[in-house]
Amino acid sequence: MDIPISKLLSKMESEIIKAKNSQSEKERRERIVVIQSLCELILDEKSPQVQPLPSSSPSSINPAELQKMMGNMATVVKNPANSGSLKEEDANGDSLFDF
């Protein structure tokens, strides 16, 4: 269904007049939402078709490039805080909030 833009714009004009003359904030917001929907209709109707970018296949990365990106995995250091929990004499549990 192809709605002429001029018809949508005239409907937006009437909604703007109604929004300006509205007595309550709720009614004004409802009119603005209608205007927003009409704007989205116009923009969606005239939006150009976007073609997806060609993606590079994973096989195009050679092992040397992968090594440079990943670095030397043997040098990764474990976080000592996660290796074991600290025990305090007066602590009730593992949580920070356990007193």
PDB file of N, CA and C in Angstrom:
ATOM      1  N   MET A   1       0.851  -1.172   0.000  1.00  0.00           N
ATOM      2  CA  MET A   1       0.000   0.000   0.000  1.00  0.00           C
ATOM      3  C   MET A   1       0.893   1.230   0.000  1.00  0.00           C
ATOM      4  N   ASP A   2       0.712   2.061  -0.970  1.00  0.00           N
ATOM      5  CA  ASP A   2       1.547   3.236  -1.119  1.00  0.00           C
ATOM      6  C   ASP A   2       0.726   4.479  -0.784  1.00  0.00           C
ATOM      7  N   ILE A   3       1.002   5.081   0.369  1.00  0.00           N
ATOM      8  CA  ILE A   3       0.289   6.281   0.807  1.00  0.00           C
ATOM      9  C   ILE A   3       1.090   7.495   0.346  1.00  0.00           C
ATOM     10  N   PRO A   4       0.440   8.451  -0.302  1.00  0.00           N
ATOM     11  CA  PRO A   4       1.178   9.639  -0.735  1.00  0.00           C
ATOM     12  C   PRO A   4       1.710  10.432   0.461  1.00  0.00           C
ATOM     13  N   ILE A   5       2.920  10.948   0.305  1.00  0.00           N
ATOM     14  CA  ILE A   5       3.542  11.709   1.390  1.00  0.00           C
ATOM     15  C   ILE A   5       2.730  12.949   1.718  1.00  0.00           C
ATOM     16  N   SER A   6       2.122  13.553   0.711  1.00  0.00           N
ATOM     17  CA  SER A   6       1.325  14.761   0.958  1.00  0.00           C
ATOM     18  C   SER A   6       0.163  14.473   1.904  1.00  0.00           C
ATOM     19  N   LYS A   7      -0.419  13.298   1.784  1.00  0.00           N
ATOM     20  CA  LYS A   7      -1.521  12.914   2.680  1.00  0.00           C
ATOM     21  C   LYS A   7      -0.999  12.726   4.114  1.00  0.00           C
ATOM     22  N   LEU A   8       0.160  12.100   4.242  1.00  0.00           N
ATOM     23  CA  LEU A   8       0.752  11.914   5.567  1.00  0.00           C
ATOM     24  C   LEU A   8       1.127  13.251   6.200  1.00  0.00           C
ATOM     25  N   LEU A   9       1.675  14.158   5.385  1.00  0.00           N
ATOM     26  CA  LEU A   9       2.059  15.475   5.903  1.00  0.00           C
ATOM     27  C   LEU A   9       0.842  16.283   6.338  1.00  0.00           C
ATOM     28  N   SER A  10      -0.245  16.198   5.592  1.00  0.00           N
ATOM     29  CA  SER A  10      -1.455  16.926   6.005  1.00  0.00           C
ATOM     30  C   SER A  10      -2.019  16.351   7.302  1.00  0.00           C
ATOM     31  N   LYS A  11      -1.934  15.043   7.466  1.00  0.00           N
ATOM     32  CA  LYS A  11      -2.369  14.418   8.715  1.00  0.00           C
ATOM     33  C   LYS A  11      -1.477  14.867   9.875  1.00  0.00           C
ATOM     34  N   MET A  12      -0.161  14.985   9.611  1.00  0.00           N
ATOM     35  CA  MET A  12       0.760  15.463  10.641  1.00  0.00           C
ATOM     36  C   MET A  12       0.427  16.898  11.039  1.00  0.00           C
ATOM     37  N   GLU A  13       0.085  17.743  10.051  1.00  0.00           N
ATOM     38  CA  GLU A  13      -0.281  19.132  10.342  1.00  0.00           C
ATOM     39  C   GLU A  13      -1.501  19.201  11.254  1.00  0.00           C
ATOM     40  N   SER A  14      -2.505  18.384  10.956  1.00  0.00           N
ATOM     41  CA  SER A  14      -3.700  18.401  11.802  1.00  0.00           C
ATOM     42  C   SER A  14      -3.393  17.892  13.208  1.00  0.00           C
ATOM     43  N   GLU A  15      -2.509  16.897  13.320  1.00  0.00           N
ATOM     44  CA  GLU A  15      -2.129  16.391  14.640  1.00  0.00           C
ATOM     45  C   GLU A  15      -1.317  17.433  15.421  1.00  0.00           C
ATOM     46  N   ILE A  16      -0.491  18.215  14.718  1.00  0.00           N
ATOM     47  CA  ILE A  16       0.277  19.279  15.381  1.00  0.00           C
ATOM     48  C   ILE A  16      -0.663  20.339  15.926  1.00  0.00           C
ATOM     49  N   ILE A  17      -1.677  20.703  15.143  1.00  0.00           N
ATOM     50  CA  ILE A  17      -2.654  21.694  15.617  1.00  0.00           C
ATOM     51  C   ILE A  17      -3.394  21.163  16.835  1.00  0.00           C
ATOM     52  N   LYS A  18      -3.784  19.906  16.800  1.00  0.00           N
ATOM     53  CA  LYS A  18      -4.469  19.297  17.942  1.00  0.00           C
ATOM     54  C   LYS A  18      -3.551  19.244  19.161  1.00  0.00           C
ATOM     55  N   ALA A  19      -2.260  18.967  18.945  1.00  0.00           N
ATOM     56  CA  ALA A  19      -1.315  18.919  20.062  1.00  0.00           C
ATOM     57  C   ALA A  19      -1.137  20.299  20.678  1.00  0.00           C
ATOM     58  N   LYS A  20      -1.083  21.346  19.837  1.00  0.00           N
ATOM     59  CA  LYS A  20      -0.943  22.709  20.351  1.00  0.00           C
ATOM     60  C   LYS A  20      -2.167  23.133  21.142  1.00  0.00           C
ATOM     61  N   ASN A  21      -3.346  22.676  20.750  1.00  0.00           N
ATOM     62  CA  ASN A  21      -4.584  23.076  21.404  1.00  0.00           C
ATOM     63  C   ASN A  21      -4.999  22.143  22.535  1.00  0.00           C
ATOM     64  N   SER A  22      -4.242  21.111  22.795  1.00  0.00           N
ATOM     65  CA  SER A  22      -4.631  20.156  23.837  1.00  0.00           C
ATOM     66  C   SER A  22      -4.511  20.778  25.221  1.00  0.00           C
ATOM     67  N   GLN A  23      -5.409  20.372  26.086  1.00  0.00           N
ATOM     68  CA  GLN A  23      -5.477  20.932  27.432  1.00  0.00           C
ATOM     69  C   GLN A  23      -4.596  20.176  28.430  1.00  0.00           C
ATOM     70  N   SER A  24      -4.434  18.885  28.231  1.00  0.00           N
ATOM     71  CA  SER A  24      -3.664  18.089  29.192  1.00  0.00           C
ATOM     72  C   SER A  24      -2.354  17.616  28.573  1.00  0.00           C
ATOM     73  N   GLU A  25      -1.416  17.360  29.442  1.00  0.00           N
ATOM     74  CA  GLU A  25      -0.111  16.856  29.009  1.00  0.00           C
ATOM     75  C   GLU A  25      -0.251  15.467  28.390  1.00  0.00           C
ATOM     76  N   LYS A  26      -1.150  14.651  28.928  1.00  0.00           N
ATOM     77  CA  LYS A  26      -1.356  13.299  28.421  1.00  0.00           C
ATOM     78  C   LYS A  26      -1.861  13.343  26.982  1.00  0.00           C
ATOM     79  N   GLU A  27      -2.829  14.189  26.712  1.00  0.00           N
ATOM     80  CA  GLU A  27      -3.366  14.311  25.361  1.00  0.00           C
ATOM     81  C   GLU A  27      -2.303  14.835  24.395  1.00  0.00           C
ATOM     82  N   ARG A  28      -1.487  15.772  24.852  1.00  0.00           N
ATOM     83  CA  ARG A  28      -0.416  16.320  24.023  1.00  0.00           C
ATOM     84  C   ARG A  28       0.583  15.229  23.658  1.00  0.00           C
ATOM     85  N   ARG A  29       0.949  14.413  24.643  1.00  0.00           N
ATOM     86  CA  ARG A  29       1.900  13.327  24.385  1.00  0.00           C
ATOM     87  C   ARG A  29       1.322  12.300  23.405  1.00  0.00           C
ATOM     88  N   GLU A  30       0.021  12.027  23.518  1.00  0.00           N
ATOM     89  CA  GLU A  30      -0.616  11.086  22.600  1.00  0.00           C
ATOM     90  C   GLU A  30      -0.550  11.609  21.166  1.00  0.00           C
ATOM     91  N   ARG A  31      -0.784  12.897  20.984  1.00  0.00           N
ATOM     92  CA  ARG A  31      -0.721  13.497  19.651  1.00  0.00           C
ATOM     93  C   ARG A  31       0.716  13.443  19.103  1.00  0.00           C
ATOM     94  N   ILE A  32       1.679  13.661  19.970  1.00  0.00           N
ATOM     95  CA  ILE A  32       3.083  13.632  19.546  1.00  0.00           C
ATOM     96  C   ILE A  32       3.490  12.218  19.133  1.00  0.00           C
ATOM     97  N   VAL A  33       2.963  11.223  19.819  1.00  0.00           N
ATOM     98  CA  VAL A  33       3.250   9.832  19.446  1.00  0.00           C
ATOM     99  C   VAL A  33       2.668   9.531  18.063  1.00  0.00           C
ATOM    100  N   VAL A  34       1.479  10.063  17.781  1.00  0.00           N
ATOM    101  CA  VAL A  34       0.882   9.884  16.455  1.00  0.00           C
ATOM    102  C   VAL A  34       1.768  10.535  15.397  1.00  0.00           C
ATOM    103  N   ILE A  35       2.257  11.741  15.685  1.00  0.00           N
ATOM    104  CA  ILE A  35       3.143  12.446  14.755  1.00  0.00           C
ATOM    105  C   ILE A  35       4.423  11.641  14.524  1.00  0.00           C
ATOM    106  N   GLN A  36       4.962  11.091  15.596  1.00  0.00           N
ATOM    107  CA  GLN A  36       6.177  10.277  15.483  1.00  0.00           C
ATOM    108  C   GLN A  36       5.925   9.058  14.592  1.00  0.00           C
ATOM    109  N   SER A  37       4.776   8.425  14.752  1.00  0.00           N
ATOM    110  CA  SER A  37       4.451   7.258  13.926  1.00  0.00           C
ATOM    111  C   SER A  37       4.328   7.637  12.453  1.00  0.00           C
ATOM    112  N   LEU A  38       3.730   8.790  12.192  1.00  0.00           N
ATOM    113  CA  LEU A  38       3.615   9.245  10.816  1.00  0.00           C
ATOM    114  C   LEU A  38       4.983   9.549  10.210  1.00  0.00           C
ATOM    115  N   CYS A  39       5.867  10.136  11.002  1.00  0.00           N
ATOM    116  CA  CYS A  39       7.232  10.395  10.529  1.00  0.00           C
ATOM    117  C   CYS A  39       7.946   9.089  10.203  1.00  0.00           C
ATOM    118  N   GLU A  40       7.783   8.087  11.042  1.00  0.00           N
ATOM    119  CA  GLU A  40       8.420   6.794  10.798  1.00  0.00           C
ATOM    120  C   GLU A  40       7.882   6.148   9.519  1.00  0.00           C
ATOM    121  N   LEU A  41       6.592   6.330   9.254  1.00  0.00           N
ATOM    122  CA  LEU A  41       6.027   5.805   8.013  1.00  0.00           C
ATOM    123  C   LEU A  41       6.697   6.432   6.800  1.00  0.00           C
ATOM    124  N   ILE A  42       6.873   7.740   6.848  1.00  0.00           N
ATOM    125  CA  ILE A  42       7.505   8.436   5.724  1.00  0.00           C
ATOM    126  C   ILE A  42       8.947   7.995   5.562  1.00  0.00           C
ATOM    127  N   LEU A  43       9.666   7.905   6.664  1.00  0.00           N
ATOM    128  CA  LEU A  43      11.079   7.536   6.588  1.00  0.00           C
ATOM    129  C   LEU A  43      11.264   6.091   6.136  1.00  0.00           C
ATOM    130  N   ASP A  44      10.422   5.197   6.609  1.00  0.00           N
ATOM    131  CA  ASP A  44      10.533   3.794   6.215  1.00  0.00           C
ATOM    132  C   ASP A  44      10.190   3.604   4.747  1.00  0.00           C
ATOM    133  N   GLU A  45       9.246   4.383   4.246  1.00  0.00           N
ATOM    134  CA  GLU A  45       8.818   4.253   2.864  1.00  0.00           C
ATOM    135  C   GLU A  45       9.911   4.683   1.903  1.00  0.00           C
ATOM    136  N   LYS A  46      10.683   5.700   2.262  1.00  0.00           N
ATOM    137  CA  LYS A  46      11.690   6.255   1.371  1.00  0.00           C
ATOM    138  C   LYS A  46      13.105   5.825   1.706  1.00  0.00           C
ATOM    139  N   SER A  47      13.278   4.927   2.668  1.00  0.00           N
ATOM    140  CA  SER A  47      14.634   4.527   3.047  1.00  0.00           C
ATOM    141  C   SER A  47      15.245   3.655   1.967  1.00  0.00           C
ATOM    142  N   PRO A  48      16.499   3.906   1.621  1.00  0.00           N
ATOM    143  CA  PRO A  48      17.150   3.097   0.595  1.00  0.00           C
ATOM    144  C   PRO A  48      17.451   1.706   1.123  1.00  0.00           C
ATOM    145  N   GLN A  49      17.475   0.772   0.226  1.00  0.00           N
ATOM    146  CA  GLN A  49      17.794  -0.597   0.605  1.00  0.00           C
ATOM    147  C   GLN A  49      19.290  -0.706   0.874  1.00  0.00           C
ATOM    148  N   VAL A  50      19.628  -1.201   2.036  1.00  0.00           N
ATOM    149  CA  VAL A  50      21.025  -1.345   2.431  1.00  0.00           C
ATOM    150  C   VAL A  50      21.474  -2.749   2.098  1.00  0.00           C
ATOM    151  N   GLN A  51      22.569  -2.837   1.367  1.00  0.00           N
ATOM    152  CA  GLN A  51      23.108  -4.140   1.027  1.00  0.00           C
ATOM    153  C   GLN A  51      24.146  -4.534   2.066  1.00  0.00           C
ATOM    154  N   PRO A  52      24.116  -5.783   2.522  1.00  0.00           N
ATOM    155  CA  PRO A  52      25.084  -6.205   3.530  1.00  0.00           C
ATOM    156  C   PRO A  52      26.501  -6.196   2.978  1.00  0.00           C
ATOM    157  N   LEU A  53      27.435  -5.893   3.843  1.00  0.00           N
ATOM    158  CA  LEU A  53      28.839  -5.907   3.459  1.00  0.00           C
ATOM    159  C   LEU A  53      29.316  -7.338   3.323  1.00  0.00           C
ATOM    160  N   PRO A  54      30.173  -7.604   2.367  1.00  0.00           N
ATOM    161  CA  PRO A  54      30.696  -8.965   2.254  1.00  0.00           C
ATOM    162  C   PRO A  54      31.574  -9.272   3.465  1.00  0.00           C
ATOM    163  N   SER A  55      31.316 -10.396   4.081  1.00  0.00           N
ATOM    164  CA  SER A  55      32.101 -10.759   5.262  1.00  0.00           C
ATOM    165  C   SER A  55      33.294 -11.599   4.841  1.00  0.00           C
ATOM    166  N   SER A  56      34.376 -11.399   5.555  1.00  0.00           N
ATOM    167  CA  SER A  56      35.556 -12.198   5.253  1.00  0.00           C
ATOM    168  C   SER A  56      35.403 -13.563   5.898  1.00  0.00           C
ATOM    169  N   SER A  57      35.790 -14.565   5.181  1.00  0.00           N
ATOM    170  CA  SER A  57      35.651 -15.911   5.708  1.00  0.00           C
ATOM    171  C   SER A  57      36.783 -16.187   6.696  1.00  0.00           C
ATOM    172  N   PRO A  58      36.507 -17.013   7.705  1.00  0.00           N
ATOM    173  CA  PRO A  58      37.545 -17.322   8.686  1.00  0.00           C
ATOM    174  C   PRO A  58      38.764 -17.983   8.072  1.00  0.00           C
ATOM    175  N   SER A  59      38.610 -18.646   6.919  1.00  0.00           N
ATOM    176  CA  SER A  59      39.746 -19.335   6.308  1.00  0.00           C
ATOM    177  C   SER A  59      40.739 -18.362   5.680  1.00  0.00           C
ATOM    178  N   SER A  60      40.356 -17.067   5.545  1.00  0.00           N
ATOM    179  CA  SER A  60      41.267 -16.102   4.938  1.00  0.00           C
ATOM    180  C   SER A  60      42.333 -15.619   5.919  1.00  0.00           C
ATOM    181  N   ILE A  61      42.236 -16.008   7.178  1.00  0.00           N
ATOM    182  CA  ILE A  61      43.231 -15.624   8.177  1.00  0.00           C
ATOM    183  C   ILE A  61      44.247 -16.752   8.295  1.00  0.00           C
ATOM    184  N   ASN A  62      45.485 -16.413   8.048  1.00  0.00           N
ATOM    185  CA  ASN A  62      46.495 -17.460   8.144  1.00  0.00           C
ATOM    186  C   ASN A  62      46.970 -17.592   9.597  1.00  0.00           C
ATOM    187  N   PRO A  63      47.625 -18.663   9.937  1.00  0.00           N
ATOM    188  CA  PRO A  63      48.050 -18.896  11.322  1.00  0.00           C
ATOM    189  C   PRO A  63      48.977 -17.819  11.877  1.00  0.00           C
ATOM    190  N   ALA A  64      49.803 -17.212  11.044  1.00  0.00           N
ATOM    191  CA  ALA A  64      50.712 -16.160  11.521  1.00  0.00           C
ATOM    192  C   ALA A  64      49.919 -14.928  11.956  1.00  0.00           C
ATOM    193  N   GLU A  65      48.875 -14.567  11.183  1.00  0.00           N
ATOM    194  CA  GLU A  65      48.034 -13.434  11.555  1.00  0.00           C
ATOM    195  C   GLU A  65      47.286 -13.730  12.847  1.00  0.00           C
ATOM    196  N   LEU A  66      46.796 -14.947  12.972  1.00  0.00           N
ATOM    197  CA  LEU A  66      46.075 -15.342  14.178  1.00  0.00           C
ATOM    198  C   LEU A  66      46.989 -15.265  15.394  1.00  0.00           C
ATOM    199  N   GLN A  67      48.230 -15.686  15.253  1.00  0.00           N
ATOM    200  CA  GLN A  67      49.202 -15.629  16.348  1.00  0.00           C
ATOM    201  C   GLN A  67      49.442 -14.184  16.768  1.00  0.00           C
ATOM    202  N   LYS A  68      49.547 -13.269  15.775  1.00  0.00           N
ATOM    203  CA  LYS A  68      49.761 -11.858  16.091  1.00  0.00           C
ATOM    204  C   LYS A  68      48.566 -11.259  16.820  1.00  0.00           C
ATOM    205  N   MET A  69      47.366 -11.651  16.407  1.00  0.00           N
ATOM    206  CA  MET A  69      46.162 -11.110  17.040  1.00  0.00           C
ATOM    207  C   MET A  69      45.974 -11.645  18.454  1.00  0.00           C
ATOM    208  N   MET A  70      46.228 -12.924  18.631  1.00  0.00           N
ATOM    209  CA  MET A  70      45.968 -13.555  19.921  1.00  0.00           C
ATOM    210  C   MET A  70      47.119 -13.385  20.900  1.00  0.00           C
ATOM    211  N   GLY A  71      48.309 -13.174  20.397  1.00  0.00           N
ATOM    212  CA  GLY A  71      49.455 -13.071  21.287  1.00  0.00           C
ATOM    213  C   GLY A  71      49.908 -14.442  21.724  1.00  0.00           C
ATOM    214  N   ASN A  72      50.863 -14.439  22.612  1.00  0.00           N
ATOM    215  CA  ASN A  72      51.384 -15.704  23.115  1.00  0.00           C
ATOM    216  C   ASN A  72      50.497 -16.167  24.264  1.00  0.00           C
ATOM    217  N   MET A  73      49.737 -17.199  24.037  1.00  0.00           N
ATOM    218  CA  MET A  73      48.794 -17.678  25.047  1.00  0.00           C
ATOM    219  C   MET A  73      49.509 -18.308  26.244  1.00  0.00           C
ATOM    220  N   ALA A  74      50.761 -18.668  26.105  1.00  0.00           N
ATOM    221  CA  ALA A  74      51.505 -19.271  27.217  1.00  0.00           C
ATOM    222  C   ALA A  74      51.826 -18.231  28.278  1.00  0.00           C
ATOM    223  N   THR A  75      51.823 -16.963  27.917  1.00  0.00           N
ATOM    224  CA  THR A  75      52.173 -15.923  28.885  1.00  0.00           C
ATOM    225  C   THR A  75      50.970 -15.399  29.655  1.00  0.00           C
ATOM    226  N   VAL A  76      49.795 -15.979  29.445  1.00  0.00           N
ATOM    227  CA  VAL A  76      48.604 -15.526  30.161  1.00  0.00           C
ATOM    228  C   VAL A  76      48.740 -15.908  31.627  1.00  0.00           C
ATOM    229  N   VAL A  77      48.545 -14.939  32.504  1.00  0.00           N
ATOM    230  CA  VAL A  77      48.697 -15.161  33.941  1.00  0.00           C
ATOM    231  C   VAL A  77      47.321 -15.303  34.561  1.00  0.00           C
ATOM    232  N   LYS A  78      47.163 -16.318  35.389  1.00  0.00           N
ATOM    233  CA  LYS A  78      45.907 -16.496  36.093  1.00  0.00           C
ATOM    234  C   LYS A  78      45.760 -15.440  37.172  1.00  0.00           C
ATOM    235  N   ASN A  79      44.520 -15.074  37.420  1.00  0.00           N
ATOM    236  CA  ASN A  79      44.224 -14.105  38.465  1.00  0.00           C
ATOM    237  C   ASN A  79      44.353 -14.813  39.817  1.00  0.00           C
ATOM    238  N   PRO A  80      45.304 -14.381  40.658  1.00  0.00           N
ATOM    239  CA  PRO A  80      45.490 -15.078  41.931  1.00  0.00           C
ATOM    240  C   PRO A  80      44.306 -14.924  42.874  1.00  0.00           C
ATOM    241  N   ALA A  81      43.474 -13.916  42.687  1.00  0.00           N
ATOM    242  CA  ALA A  81      42.324 -13.719  43.571  1.00  0.00           C
ATOM    243  C   ALA A  81      41.297 -14.823  43.368  1.00  0.00           C
ATOM    244  N   ASN A  82      41.216 -15.373  42.168  1.00  0.00           N
ATOM    245  CA  ASN A  82      40.243 -16.411  41.888  1.00  0.00           C
ATOM    246  C   ASN A  82      40.752 -17.805  42.223  1.00  0.00           C
ATOM    247  N   SER A  83      42.052 -17.953  42.455  1.00  0.00           N
ATOM    248  CA  SER A  83      42.611 -19.281  42.675  1.00  0.00           C
ATOM    249  C   SER A  83      42.188 -19.867  44.018  1.00  0.00           C
ATOM    250  N   GLY A  84      41.960 -19.066  44.988  1.00  0.00           N
ATOM    251  CA  GLY A  84      41.520 -19.561  46.285  1.00  0.00           C
ATOM    252  C   GLY A  84      40.976 -18.418  47.116  1.00  0.00           C
ATOM    253  N   SER A  85      40.005 -18.713  47.955  1.00  0.00           N
ATOM    254  CA  SER A  85      39.422 -17.638  48.749  1.00  0.00           C
ATOM    255  C   SER A  85      40.238 -17.438  50.025  1.00  0.00           C
ATOM    256  N   LEU A  86      40.264 -16.215  50.467  1.00  0.00           N
ATOM    257  CA  LEU A  86      40.974 -15.885  51.695  1.00  0.00           C
ATOM    258  C   LEU A  86      40.089 -16.198  52.884  1.00  0.00           C
ATOM    259  N   LYS A  87      40.660 -16.689  53.932  1.00  0.00           N
ATOM    260  CA  LYS A  87      39.894 -17.025  55.133  1.00  0.00           C
ATOM    261  C   LYS A  87      40.312 -16.082  56.253  1.00  0.00           C
ATOM    262  N   GLU A  88      39.353 -15.467  56.843  1.00  0.00           N
ATOM    263  CA  GLU A  88      39.573 -14.590  57.985  1.00  0.00           C
ATOM    264  C   GLU A  88      38.989 -15.262  59.219  1.00  0.00           C
ATOM    265  N   GLU A  89      39.542 -14.941  60.372  1.00  0.00           N
ATOM    266  CA  GLU A  89      39.068 -15.558  61.611  1.00  0.00           C
ATOM    267  C   GLU A  89      37.617 -15.188  61.916  1.00  0.00           C
ATOM    268  N   ASP A  90      37.284 -13.901  61.727  1.00  0.00           N
ATOM    269  CA  ASP A  90      35.961 -13.442  62.123  1.00  0.00           C
ATOM    270  C   ASP A  90      34.982 -13.321  60.954  1.00  0.00           C
ATOM    271  N   ALA A  91      35.292 -13.889  59.799  1.00  0.00           N
ATOM    272  CA  ALA A  91      34.393 -13.815  58.641  1.00  0.00           C
ATOM    273  C   ALA A  91      33.398 -14.954  58.693  1.00  0.00           C
ATOM    274  N   ASN A  92      32.188 -14.705  58.150  1.00  0.00           N
ATOM    275  CA  ASN A  92      31.137 -15.719  58.169  1.00  0.00           C
ATOM    276  C   ASN A  92      30.994 -16.464  56.841  1.00  0.00           C
ATOM    277  N   GLY A  93      31.553 -15.931  55.762  1.00  0.00           N
ATOM    278  CA  GLY A  93      31.389 -16.593  54.475  1.00  0.00           C
ATOM    279  C   GLY A  93      32.257 -15.964  53.400  1.00  0.00           C
ATOM    280  N   ASP A  94      32.005 -16.386  52.135  1.00  0.00           N
ATOM    281  CA  ASP A  94      32.787 -15.909  51.015  1.00  0.00           C
ATOM    282  C   ASP A  94      32.363 -14.525  50.532  1.00  0.00           C
ATOM    283  N   SER A  95      31.148 -14.110  50.842  1.00  0.00           N
ATOM    284  CA  SER A  95      30.620 -12.858  50.326  1.00  0.00           C
ATOM    285  C   SER A  95      31.216 -11.677  51.063  1.00  0.00           C
ATOM    286  N   LEU A  96      31.318 -10.574  50.355  1.00  0.00           N
ATOM    287  CA  LEU A  96      31.805  -9.324  50.922  1.00  0.00           C
ATOM    288  C   LEU A  96      30.842  -8.815  51.995  1.00  0.00           C
ATOM    289  N   PHE A  97      29.571  -9.180  51.840  1.00  0.00           N
ATOM    290  CA  PHE A  97      28.552  -8.679  52.746  1.00  0.00           C
ATOM    291  C   PHE A  97      28.278  -9.609  53.924  1.00  0.00           C
ATOM    292  N   ASP A  98      28.979 -10.709  54.002  1.00  0.00           N
ATOM    293  CA  ASP A  98      28.857 -11.596  55.168  1.00  0.00           C
ATOM    294  C   ASP A  98      29.756 -11.062  56.267  1.00  0.00           C
ATOM    295  N   PHE A  99      29.159 -10.670  57.363  1.00  0.00           N
ATOM    296  CA  PHE A  99      29.923 -10.089  58.473  1.00  0.00           C
ATOM    297  C   PHE A  99      30.095 -11.076  59.611  1.00  0.00           C
TER     298      PHE A  99
END
